PDB file of N, CA and C in Angstrom:
ATOM      1  N   MET A   1       0.841  -1.179   0.000  1.00  0.00           N
ATOM      2  CA  MET A   1       0.000   0.000   0.000  1.00  0.00           C
ATOM      3  C   MET A   1       0.889   1.246   0.000  1.00  0.00           C
ATOM      4  N   LEU A   2       0.584   2.151  -0.912  1.00  0.00           N
ATOM      5  CA  LEU A   2       1.348   3.390  -1.019  1.00  0.00           C
ATOM      6  C   LEU A   2       0.917   4.401   0.021  1.00  0.00           C
ATOM      7  N   LEU A   3       1.868   5.136   0.501  1.00  0.00           N
ATOM      8  CA  LEU A   3       1.607   6.248   1.402  1.00  0.00           C
ATOM      9  C   LEU A   3       0.973   7.380   0.601  1.00  0.00           C
ATOM     10  N   SER A   4      -0.104   7.960   1.084  1.00  0.00           N
ATOM     11  CA  SER A   4      -0.738   9.111   0.435  1.00  0.00           C
ATOM     12  C   SER A   4      -0.212  10.387   1.068  1.00  0.00           C
ATOM     13  N   VAL A   5       0.176  11.343   0.225  1.00  0.00           N
ATOM     14  CA  VAL A   5       0.774  12.588   0.686  1.00  0.00           C
ATOM     15  C   VAL A   5       0.101  13.756  -0.008  1.00  0.00           C
ATOM     16  N   ILE A   6      -0.274  14.766   0.761  1.00  0.00           N
ATOM     17  CA  ILE A   6      -0.789  16.009   0.187  1.00  0.00           C
ATOM     18  C   ILE A   6       0.371  16.990   0.113  1.00  0.00           C
ATOM     19  N   LEU A   7       0.684  17.421  -1.102  1.00  0.00           N
ATOM     20  CA  LEU A   7       1.739  18.404  -1.287  1.00  0.00           C
ATOM     21  C   LEU A   7       1.154  19.800  -1.116  1.00  0.00           C
ATOM     22  N   ASP A   8       1.701  20.562  -0.205  1.00  0.00           N
ATOM     23  CA  ASP A   8       1.248  21.930   0.007  1.00  0.00           C
ATOM     24  C   ASP A   8       1.994  22.857  -0.942  1.00  0.00           C
ATOM     25  N   SER A   9       1.494  24.068  -1.071  1.00  0.00           N
ATOM     26  CA  SER A   9       2.093  25.018  -2.010  1.00  0.00           C
ATOM     27  C   SER A   9       3.538  25.349  -1.657  1.00  0.00           C
ATOM     28  N   CYS A  10       3.903  25.248  -0.389  1.00  0.00           N
ATOM     29  CA  CYS A  10       5.283  25.584   0.015  1.00  0.00           C
ATOM     30  C   CYS A  10       6.301  24.568  -0.489  1.00  0.00           C
ATOM     31  N   VAL A  11       5.885  23.378  -0.906  1.00  0.00           N
ATOM     32  CA  VAL A  11       6.817  22.412  -1.495  1.00  0.00           C
ATOM     33  C   VAL A  11       6.663  22.334  -3.008  1.00  0.00           C
ATOM     34  N   ILE A  12       5.617  22.947  -3.541  1.00  0.00           N
ATOM     35  CA  ILE A  12       5.461  23.034  -4.995  1.00  0.00           C
ATOM     36  C   ILE A  12       6.176  24.279  -5.511  1.00  0.00           C
ATOM     37  N   TYR A  13       6.265  25.303  -4.700  1.00  0.00           N
ATOM     38  CA  TYR A  13       6.889  26.569  -5.113  1.00  0.00           C
ATOM     39  C   TYR A  13       8.363  26.431  -5.462  1.00  0.00           C
ATOM     40  N   PRO A  14       9.230  25.863  -4.615  1.00  0.00           N
ATOM     41  CA  PRO A  14      10.630  25.735  -5.045  1.00  0.00           C
ATOM     42  C   PRO A  14      10.734  24.638  -6.112  1.00  0.00           C
ATOM     43  N   MET A  15      11.069  25.020  -7.326  1.00  0.00           N
ATOM     44  CA  MET A  15      11.022  24.085  -8.444  1.00  0.00           C
ATOM     45  C   MET A  15      11.920  22.851  -8.276  1.00  0.00           C
ATOM     46  N   PRO A  16      13.131  22.952  -7.747  1.00  0.00           N
ATOM     47  CA  PRO A  16      13.924  21.724  -7.579  1.00  0.00           C
ATOM     48  C   PRO A  16      13.245  20.720  -6.636  1.00  0.00           C
ATOM     49  N   LEU A  17      12.655  21.210  -5.563  1.00  0.00           N
ATOM     50  CA  LEU A  17      11.946  20.326  -4.636  1.00  0.00           C
ATOM     51  C   LEU A  17      10.701  19.758  -5.302  1.00  0.00           C
ATOM     52  N   CYS A  18       9.981  20.591  -6.019  1.00  0.00           N
ATOM     53  CA  CYS A  18       8.784  20.142  -6.733  1.00  0.00           C
ATOM     54  C   CYS A  18       9.140  19.034  -7.725  1.00  0.00           C
ATOM     55  N   ASP A  19      10.192  19.256  -8.506  1.00  0.00           N
ATOM     56  CA  ASP A  19      10.612  18.242  -9.479  1.00  0.00           C
ATOM     57  C   ASP A  19      10.931  16.919  -8.794  1.00  0.00           C
ATOM     58  N   THR A  20      11.654  16.980  -7.691  1.00  0.00           N
ATOM     59  CA  THR A  20      12.033  15.773  -6.957  1.00  0.00           C
ATOM     60  C   THR A  20      10.798  15.043  -6.441  1.00  0.00           C
ATOM     61  N   LEU A  21       9.867  15.783  -5.858  1.00  0.00           N
ATOM     62  CA  LEU A  21       8.658  15.165  -5.305  1.00  0.00           C
ATOM     63  C   LEU A  21       7.761  14.598  -6.398  1.00  0.00           C
ATOM     64  N   MET A  22       7.666  15.283  -7.525  1.00  0.00           N
ATOM     65  CA  MET A  22       6.855  14.783  -8.641  1.00  0.00           C
ATOM     66  C   MET A  22       7.483  13.513  -9.232  1.00  0.00           C
ATOM     67  N   LEU A  23       8.807  13.499  -9.370  1.00  0.00           N
ATOM     68  CA  LEU A  23       9.486  12.303  -9.879  1.00  0.00           C
ATOM     69  C   LEU A  23       9.310  11.115  -8.932  1.00  0.00           C
ATOM     70  N   ALA A  24       9.364  11.369  -7.638  1.00  0.00           N
ATOM     71  CA  ALA A  24       9.165  10.298  -6.660  1.00  0.00           C
ATOM     72  C   ALA A  24       7.737   9.756  -6.742  1.00  0.00           C
ATOM     73  N   ALA A  25       6.779  10.625  -6.942  1.00  0.00           N
ATOM     74  CA  ALA A  25       5.388  10.178  -7.091  1.00  0.00           C
ATOM     75  C   ALA A  25       5.211   9.415  -8.397  1.00  0.00           C
ATOM     76  N   GLU A  26       5.848   9.894  -9.447  1.00  0.00           N
ATOM     77  CA  GLU A  26       5.778   9.216 -10.732  1.00  0.00           C
ATOM     78  C   GLU A  26       6.390   7.811 -10.657  1.00  0.00           C
ATOM     79  N   ALA A  27       7.432   7.665  -9.824  1.00  0.00           N
ATOM     80  CA  ALA A  27       8.063   6.358  -9.610  1.00  0.00           C
ATOM     81  C   ALA A  27       7.267   5.503  -8.631  1.00  0.00           C
ATOM     82  N   GLU A  28       6.107   6.008  -8.204  1.00  0.00           N
ATOM     83  CA  GLU A  28       5.192   5.309  -7.305  1.00  0.00           C
ATOM     84  C   GLU A  28       5.798   5.029  -5.937  1.00  0.00           C
ATOM     85  N   LEU A  29       6.609   5.980  -5.458  1.00  0.00           N
ATOM     86  CA  LEU A  29       7.125   5.877  -4.092  1.00  0.00           C
ATOM     87  C   LEU A  29       6.083   6.358  -3.086  1.00  0.00           C
ATOM     88  N   TYR A  30       5.145   7.152  -3.546  1.00  0.00           N
ATOM     89  CA  TYR A  30       4.007   7.592  -2.740  1.00  0.00           C
ATOM     90  C   TYR A  30       2.913   8.059  -3.675  1.00  0.00           C
ATOM     91  N   LYS A  31       1.717   8.224  -3.147  1.00  0.00           N
ATOM     92  CA  LYS A  31       0.580   8.707  -3.932  1.00  0.00           C
ATOM     93  C   LYS A  31       0.412  10.192  -3.660  1.00  0.00           C
ATOM     94  N   LEU A  32       0.547  10.986  -4.691  1.00  0.00           N
ATOM     95  CA  LEU A  32       0.523  12.440  -4.602  1.00  0.00           C
ATOM     96  C   LEU A  32      -0.905  12.979  -4.620  1.00  0.00           C
ATOM     97  N   HIS A  33      -1.172  13.949  -3.744  1.00  0.00           N
ATOM     98  CA  HIS A  33      -2.464  14.633  -3.724  1.00  0.00           C
ATOM     99  C   HIS A  33      -2.230  16.130  -3.612  1.00  0.00           C
ATOM    100  N   PHE A  34      -3.190  16.898  -4.089  1.00  0.00           N
ATOM    101  CA  PHE A  34      -3.140  18.358  -4.051  1.00  0.00           C
ATOM    102  C   PHE A  34      -4.563  18.861  -4.238  1.00  0.00           C
ATOM    103  N   SER A  35      -4.795  20.108  -3.934  1.00  0.00           N
ATOM    104  CA  SER A  35      -6.098  20.723  -4.179  1.00  0.00           C
ATOM    105  C   SER A  35      -5.905  21.888  -5.139  1.00  0.00           C
ATOM    106  N   GLN A  36      -6.994  22.373  -5.684  1.00  0.00           N
ATOM    107  CA  GLN A  36      -6.911  23.537  -6.562  1.00  0.00           C
ATOM    108  C   GLN A  36      -6.380  24.741  -5.793  1.00  0.00           C
ATOM    109  N   GLU A  37      -6.777  24.877  -4.547  1.00  0.00           N
ATOM    110  CA  GLU A  37      -6.286  25.965  -3.699  1.00  0.00           C
ATOM    111  C   GLU A  37      -4.758  25.896  -3.534  1.00  0.00           C
ATOM    112  N   ILE A  38      -4.231  24.704  -3.360  1.00  0.00           N
ATOM    113  CA  ILE A  38      -2.784  24.521  -3.216  1.00  0.00           C
ATOM    114  C   ILE A  38      -2.075  24.904  -4.519  1.00  0.00           C
ATOM    115  N   LEU A  39      -2.583  24.429  -5.657  1.00  0.00           N
ATOM    116  CA  LEU A  39      -1.974  24.777  -6.934  1.00  0.00           C
ATOM    117  C   LEU A  39      -2.037  26.277  -7.191  1.00  0.00           C
ATOM    118  N   ASP A  40      -3.179  26.881  -6.872  1.00  0.00           N
ATOM    119  CA  ASP A  40      -3.320  28.326  -7.065  1.00  0.00           C
ATOM    120  C   ASP A  40      -2.334  29.102  -6.196  1.00  0.00           C
ATOM    121  N   GLY A  41      -2.156  28.665  -4.964  1.00  0.00           N
ATOM    122  CA  GLY A  41      -1.222  29.339  -4.063  1.00  0.00           C
ATOM    123  C   GLY A  41       0.206  29.253  -4.551  1.00  0.00           C
ATOM    124  N   ALA A  42       0.602  28.078  -5.023  1.00  0.00           N
ATOM    125  CA  ALA A  42       1.970  27.890  -5.520  1.00  0.00           C
ATOM    126  C   ALA A  42       2.213  28.724  -6.768  1.00  0.00           C
ATOM    127  N   THR A  43       1.305  28.646  -7.724  1.00  0.00           N
ATOM    128  CA  THR A  43       1.525  29.375  -8.971  1.00  0.00           C
ATOM    129  C   THR A  43       1.364  30.889  -8.779  1.00  0.00           C
ATOM    130  N   ARG A  44       0.501  31.298  -7.881  1.00  0.00           N
ATOM    131  CA  ARG A  44       0.368  32.734  -7.581  1.00  0.00           C
ATOM    132  C   ARG A  44       1.711  33.289  -7.106  1.00  0.00           C
ATOM    133  N   ASN A  45       2.387  32.557  -6.239  1.00  0.00           N
ATOM    134  CA  ASN A  45       3.689  33.005  -5.740  1.00  0.00           C
ATOM    135  C   ASN A  45       4.763  32.940  -6.815  1.00  0.00           C
ATOM    136  N   LEU A  46       4.732  31.939  -7.668  1.00  0.00           N
ATOM    137  CA  LEU A  46       5.701  31.851  -8.759  1.00  0.00           C
ATOM    138  C   LEU A  46       5.551  33.044  -9.712  1.00  0.00           C
ATOM    139  N   VAL A  47       4.320  33.419  -9.996  1.00  0.00           N
ATOM    140  CA  VAL A  47       4.066  34.572 -10.865  1.00  0.00           C
ATOM    141  C   VAL A  47       4.466  35.858 -10.149  1.00  0.00           C
ATOM    142  N   LYS A  48       4.093  35.982  -8.894  1.00  0.00           N
ATOM    143  CA  LYS A  48       4.395  37.190  -8.116  1.00  0.00           C
ATOM    144  C   LYS A  48       5.902  37.436  -8.035  1.00  0.00           C
ATOM    145  N   LYS A  49       6.688  36.375  -7.888  1.00  0.00           N
ATOM    146  CA  LYS A  49       8.147  36.494  -7.774  1.00  0.00           C
ATOM    147  C   LYS A  49       8.838  36.575  -9.140  1.00  0.00           C
ATOM    148  N   GLY A  50       8.054  36.563 -10.222  1.00  0.00           N
ATOM    149  CA  GLY A  50       8.616  36.679 -11.560  1.00  0.00           C
ATOM    150  C   GLY A  50       9.259  35.423 -12.097  1.00  0.00           C
ATOM    151  N   ARG A  51       8.959  34.282 -11.485  1.00  0.00           N
ATOM    152  CA  ARG A  51       9.559  33.014 -11.931  1.00  0.00           C
ATOM    153  C   ARG A  51       8.733  32.328 -13.011  1.00  0.00           C
ATOM    154  N   MET A  52       7.486  32.803 -13.199  1.00  0.00           N
ATOM    155  CA  MET A  52       6.594  32.256 -14.227  1.00  0.00           C
ATOM    156  C   MET A  52       5.668  33.364 -14.692  1.00  0.00           C
ATOM    157  N   THR A  53       5.228  33.235 -15.934  1.00  0.00           N
ATOM    158  CA  THR A  53       4.160  34.104 -16.425  1.00  0.00           C
ATOM    159  C   THR A  53       2.827  33.455 -16.071  1.00  0.00           C
ATOM    160  N   ASN A  54       1.757  34.187 -16.222  1.00  0.00           N
ATOM    161  CA  ASN A  54       0.427  33.615 -15.976  1.00  0.00           C
ATOM    162  C   ASN A  54       0.152  32.438 -16.904  1.00  0.00           C
ATOM    163  N   ASP A  55       0.568  32.562 -18.167  1.00  0.00           N
ATOM    164  CA  ASP A  55       0.358  31.460 -19.121  1.00  0.00           C
ATOM    165  C   ASP A  55       1.138  30.209 -18.720  1.00  0.00           C
ATOM    166  N   LYS A  56       2.375  30.394 -18.308  1.00  0.00           N
ATOM    167  CA  LYS A  56       3.175  29.245 -17.874  1.00  0.00           C
ATOM    168  C   LYS A  56       2.622  28.641 -16.592  1.00  0.00           C
ATOM    169  N   ALA A  57       2.088  29.470 -15.715  1.00  0.00           N
ATOM    170  CA  ALA A  57       1.497  28.960 -14.477  1.00  0.00           C
ATOM    171  C   ALA A  57       0.273  28.099 -14.788  1.00  0.00           C
ATOM    172  N   SER A  58      -0.547  28.539 -15.726  1.00  0.00           N
ATOM    173  CA  SER A  58      -1.715  27.746 -16.133  1.00  0.00           C
ATOM    174  C   SER A  58      -1.287  26.424 -16.747  1.00  0.00           C
ATOM    175  N   TYR A  59      -0.268  26.472 -17.599  1.00  0.00           N
ATOM    176  CA  TYR A  59       0.261  25.261 -18.223  1.00  0.00           C
ATOM    177  C   TYR A  59       0.825  24.311 -17.169  1.00  0.00           C
ATOM    178  N   PHE A  60       1.565  24.853 -16.220  1.00  0.00           N
ATOM    179  CA  PHE A  60       2.147  24.065 -15.122  1.00  0.00           C
ATOM    180  C   PHE A  60       1.054  23.335 -14.343  1.00  0.00           C
ATOM    181  N   GLN A  61      -0.007  24.057 -13.997  1.00  0.00           N
ATOM    182  CA  GLN A  61      -1.122  23.429 -13.280  1.00  0.00           C
ATOM    183  C   GLN A  61      -1.757  22.319 -14.111  1.00  0.00           C
ATOM    184  N   GLU A  62      -1.976  22.583 -15.389  1.00  0.00           N
ATOM    185  CA  GLU A  62      -2.596  21.571 -16.251  1.00  0.00           C
ATOM    186  C   GLU A  62      -1.717  20.327 -16.376  1.00  0.00           C
ATOM    187  N   GLN A  63      -0.409  20.516 -16.420  1.00  0.00           N
ATOM    188  CA  GLN A  63       0.497  19.374 -16.510  1.00  0.00           C
ATOM    189  C   GLN A  63       0.439  18.518 -15.241  1.00  0.00           C
ATOM    190  N   ILE A  64       0.377  19.170 -14.100  1.00  0.00           N
ATOM    191  CA  ILE A  64       0.264  18.420 -12.842  1.00  0.00           C
ATOM    192  C   ILE A  64      -1.036  17.624 -12.824  1.00  0.00           C
ATOM    193  N   LYS A  65      -2.129  18.283 -13.205  1.00  0.00           N
ATOM    194  CA  LYS A  65      -3.433  17.611 -13.211  1.00  0.00           C
ATOM    195  C   LYS A  65      -3.470  16.469 -14.235  1.00  0.00           C
ATOM    196  N   THR A  66      -2.826  16.662 -15.377  1.00  0.00           N
ATOM    197  CA  THR A  66      -2.807  15.637 -16.424  1.00  0.00           C
ATOM    198  C   THR A  66      -1.965  14.434 -16.003  1.00  0.00           C
ATOM    199  N   ASN A  67      -0.814  14.707 -15.408  1.00  0.00           N
ATOM    200  CA  ASN A  67       0.097  13.623 -15.035  1.00  0.00           C
ATOM    201  C   ASN A  67      -0.294  12.904 -13.755  1.00  0.00           C
ATOM    202  N   PHE A  68      -1.103  13.550 -12.936  1.00  0.00           N
ATOM    203  CA  PHE A  68      -1.579  12.931 -11.693  1.00  0.00           C
ATOM    204  C   PHE A  68      -3.100  13.106 -11.606  1.00  0.00           C
ATOM    205  N   PRO A  69      -3.837  12.462 -12.511  1.00  0.00           N
ATOM    206  CA  PRO A  69      -5.283  12.684 -12.598  1.00  0.00           C
ATOM    207  C   PRO A  69      -6.052  12.287 -11.340  1.00  0.00           C
ATOM    208  N   ASP A  70      -5.521  11.381 -10.556  1.00  0.00           N
ATOM    209  CA  ASP A  70      -6.198  10.974  -9.321  1.00  0.00           C
ATOM    210  C   ASP A  70      -5.715  11.769  -8.117  1.00  0.00           C
ATOM    211  N   GLY A  71      -4.856  12.754  -8.347  1.00  0.00           N
ATOM    212  CA  GLY A  71      -4.262  13.502  -7.247  1.00  0.00           C
ATOM    213  C   GLY A  71      -5.121  14.613  -6.672  1.00  0.00           C
ATOM    214  N   MET A  72      -6.070  15.108  -7.461  1.00  0.00           N
ATOM    215  CA  MET A  72      -6.890  16.240  -7.009  1.00  0.00           C
ATOM    216  C   MET A  72      -7.815  15.813  -5.873  1.00  0.00           C
ATOM    217  N   VAL A  73      -7.788  16.575  -4.799  1.00  0.00           N
ATOM    218  CA  VAL A  73      -8.698  16.339  -3.678  1.00  0.00           C
ATOM    219  C   VAL A  73      -9.462  17.629  -3.389  1.00  0.00           C
ATOM    220  N   GLU A  74     -10.632  17.480  -2.865  1.00  0.00           N
ATOM    221  CA  GLU A  74     -11.432  18.622  -2.429  1.00  0.00           C
ATOM    222  C   GLU A  74     -11.193  18.829  -0.943  1.00  0.00           C
ATOM    223  N   VAL A  75     -10.909  20.046  -0.581  1.00  0.00           N
ATOM    224  CA  VAL A  75     -10.669  20.363   0.824  1.00  0.00           C
ATOM    225  C   VAL A  75     -12.001  20.776   1.452  1.00  0.00           C
ATOM    226  N   PRO A  76     -12.400  20.115   2.530  1.00  0.00           N
ATOM    227  CA  PRO A  76     -13.661  20.484   3.190  1.00  0.00           C
ATOM    228  C   PRO A  76     -13.614  21.940   3.661  1.00  0.00           C
ATOM    229  N   GLU A  77     -14.711  22.624   3.512  1.00  0.00           N
ATOM    230  CA  GLU A  77     -14.795  24.048   3.854  1.00  0.00           C
ATOM    231  C   GLU A  77     -14.389  24.332   5.295  1.00  0.00           C
ATOM    232  N   PHE A  78     -14.720  23.447   6.219  1.00  0.00           N
ATOM    233  CA  PHE A  78     -14.401  23.711   7.621  1.00  0.00           C
ATOM    234  C   PHE A  78     -12.887  23.790   7.859  1.00  0.00           C
ATOM    235  N   LEU A  79     -12.095  23.138   7.028  1.00  0.00           N
ATOM    236  CA  LEU A  79     -10.642  23.233   7.187  1.00  0.00           C
ATOM    237  C   LEU A  79     -10.122  24.609   6.814  1.00  0.00           C
ATOM    238  N   PHE A  80     -10.769  25.278   5.877  1.00  0.00           N
ATOM    239  CA  PHE A  80     -10.373  26.644   5.532  1.00  0.00           C
ATOM    240  C   PHE A  80     -10.622  27.574   6.699  1.00  0.00           C
ATOM    241  N   SER A  81     -11.700  27.357   7.429  1.00  0.00           N
ATOM    242  CA  SER A  81     -12.009  28.242   8.565  1.00  0.00           C
ATOM    243  C   SER A  81     -11.012  28.051   9.700  1.00  0.00           C
ATOM    244  N   LEU A  82     -10.347  26.893   9.773  1.00  0.00           N
ATOM    245  CA  LEU A  82      -9.338  26.664  10.804  1.00  0.00           C
ATOM    246  C   LEU A  82      -8.084  27.498  10.549  1.00  0.00           C
ATOM    247  N   GLN A  83      -7.840  27.865   9.297  1.00  0.00           N
ATOM    248  CA  GLN A  83      -6.660  28.643   8.944  1.00  0.00           C
ATOM    249  C   GLN A  83      -6.821  30.124   9.310  1.00  0.00           C
ATOM    250  N   ARG A  84      -8.019  30.582   9.454  1.00  0.00           N
ATOM    251  CA  ARG A  84      -8.267  32.018   9.682  1.00  0.00           C
ATOM    252  C   ARG A  84      -8.238  32.372  11.125  1.00  0.00           C
TER     253      ARG A  84
END
């Protein structure tokens, strides 16, 4: 049984770490999960810091979703209220 891991935006943002974690998931060392909110947070920061354009950020998100189609999870609304 594979370990399931939710990747937060703070580990998707640094590209070398993101690449390593995506390759490990692709090699089936663990099952990768993420939410749309997590992807938006990571790409928002990449664009804000000038490391990606908006178009590249959209492409990046689509590639993650395409390569890990079972990775998307919905975050229950009550968990968002815990962050505030």
